[in-house]
Amino acid sequence: MNKLYCGVLNCISNCGDRCCRGEIRVTGEDARTKSDTCCQSFSQSRGGFQNSLYGTAEVDTKISCSAESCAYNRNGNCSAESVTICGGGSSDCRCTSCGTFRREK
């Protein structure tokens, strides 16, 4: 489980810069940089319905990760203690990214 910080201000799961979901999925099978990744679990908030699906922020979140070249990827799961998802006011999951991504050398 990871501490997940969410910088995607208009995601329906953002609850005070934390994620309200118990699990998210980060994709980026061929990622070479963090911009090649995205939060596949992103869903844009529309009309003030933010957090209505998931409730309060989770202390720890399970992060499934398909970015095989990331140093934190352990058998499809993220092993970083804390993770930041970036994306500001994204309207699509492809505009989000894993700010913690670090390419394994």
Protein backbone atom coordinates (compact mmCIF):
# COMPACT_ATOMS: atom_id res chain seq x y z
CA MET A 1 0.00 0.00 0.00
CA ASN A 2 1.16 3.50 -0.83
CA LYS A 3 0.44 7.02 0.36
CA LEU A 4 -1.14 8.54 -2.72
CA TYR A 5 -1.16 12.29 -3.30
CA CYS A 6 -3.38 13.53 -6.09
CA GLY A 7 -2.56 16.71 -7.99
CA VAL A 8 -5.43 16.19 -10.43
CA LEU A 9 -7.73 18.85 -9.05
CA ASN A 10 -10.84 17.88 -10.98
CA CYS A 11 -10.70 14.11 -10.51
CA ILE A 12 -13.85 12.78 -8.88
CA SER A 13 -11.62 10.76 -6.50
CA ASN A 14 -9.55 13.75 -5.29
CA CYS A 15 -10.28 14.48 -1.66
CA GLY A 16 -8.11 17.35 -0.44
CA ASP A 17 -5.09 16.32 -2.53
CA ARG A 18 -5.45 12.67 -1.48
CA CYS A 19 -7.19 9.86 -3.33
CA CYS A 20 -10.51 8.48 -2.11
CA ARG A 21 -10.11 5.19 -3.97
CA GLY A 22 -8.67 2.14 -2.26
CA GLU A 23 -6.95 1.14 -5.49
CA ILE A 24 -5.84 2.85 -8.71
CA ARG A 25 -4.22 1.71 -11.94
CA VAL A 26 -1.22 3.47 -13.49
CA THR A 27 -0.45 2.59 -17.10
CA GLY A 28 2.56 3.17 -19.31
CA GLU A 29 3.82 -0.15 -20.61
CA ASP A 30 6.57 1.46 -22.73
CA ALA A 31 7.20 4.48 -20.46
CA ARG A 32 10.57 6.17 -20.67
CA THR A 33 9.55 9.31 -18.72
CA LYS A 34 6.79 10.19 -16.28
CA SER A 35 4.82 11.86 -19.08
CA ASP A 36 4.52 8.42 -20.72
CA THR A 37 2.45 7.23 -17.74
CA CYS A 38 -1.13 8.01 -16.75
CA CYS A 39 -3.66 7.31 -14.02
CA GLN A 40 -6.11 5.02 -15.79
CA SER A 41 -8.47 5.38 -12.79
CA PHE A 42 -8.98 9.12 -13.44
CA SER A 43 -12.57 10.23 -13.86
CA GLN A 44 -13.34 13.90 -14.40
CA SER A 45 -15.61 15.56 -11.87
CA ARG A 46 -18.57 17.30 -13.45
CA GLY A 47 -20.92 19.69 -11.73
CA GLY A 48 -19.63 19.45 -8.16
CA PHE A 49 -19.94 15.68 -7.76
CA GLN A 50 -16.34 15.29 -6.66
CA ASN A 51 -15.74 12.49 -4.13
CA SER A 52 -19.37 11.36 -4.25
CA LEU A 53 -18.41 7.85 -5.37
CA TYR A 54 -15.66 7.06 -2.93
CA GLY A 55 -16.16 9.08 0.25
CA THR A 56 -13.15 10.11 2.31
CA ALA A 57 -9.43 9.99 1.51
CA GLU A 58 -7.68 6.68 1.94
CA VAL A 59 -4.62 6.52 4.19
CA ASP A 60 -3.05 3.90 1.92
CA THR A 61 -3.93 3.05 -1.66
CA LYS A 62 -3.03 -0.03 -3.67
CA ILE A 63 -1.43 1.01 -6.97
CA SER A 64 -1.38 -1.43 -9.86
CA CYS A 65 1.30 -0.39 -12.35
CA SER A 66 2.03 -1.52 -15.89
CA ALA A 67 5.09 0.76 -16.35
CA GLU A 68 7.55 -2.11 -16.60
CA SER A 69 10.60 0.17 -16.78
CA CYS A 70 9.79 1.96 -13.50
CA ALA A 71 12.19 1.26 -10.65
CA TYR A 72 9.21 0.95 -8.27
CA ASN A 73 7.33 -1.67 -10.30
CA ARG A 74 7.29 -5.00 -8.48
CA ASN A 75 5.34 -7.64 -10.40
CA GLY A 76 2.75 -5.12 -11.59
CA ASN A 77 2.40 -3.27 -8.28
CA CYS A 78 4.01 -0.02 -7.13
CA SER A 79 6.48 -0.37 -4.27
CA ALA A 80 7.11 3.37 -3.63
CA GLU A 81 6.13 4.51 -0.13
CA SER A 82 4.42 7.59 -1.49
CA VAL A 83 3.23 8.44 -4.99
CA THR A 84 2.12 11.68 -6.57
CA ILE A 85 -0.27 11.71 -9.50
CA CYS A 86 0.06 14.91 -11.55
CA GLY A 87 -2.39 16.51 -13.92
CA GLY A 88 -3.82 19.80 -12.64
CA GLY A 89 -7.16 20.30 -14.38
CA SER A 90 -6.99 17.31 -16.74
CA SER A 91 -10.00 16.38 -18.81
CA ASP A 92 -8.65 12.98 -19.86
CA CYS A 93 -6.55 10.31 -18.16
CA ARG A 94 -3.89 10.74 -20.86
CA CYS A 95 -3.22 14.22 -19.41
CA THR A 96 -2.35 12.74 -16.02
CA SER A 97 0.99 11.20 -15.05
CA CYS A 98 2.78 9.44 -12.24
CA GLY A 99 5.12 12.06 -10.80
CA THR A 100 6.98 9.37 -8.87
CA PHE A 101 7.94 7.38 -11.97
CA ARG A 102 11.67 6.74 -12.12
CA ARG A 103 13.10 4.78 -15.00
CA GLU A 104 15.13 1.80 -13.89
CA LYS A 105 18.66 1.91 -15.26
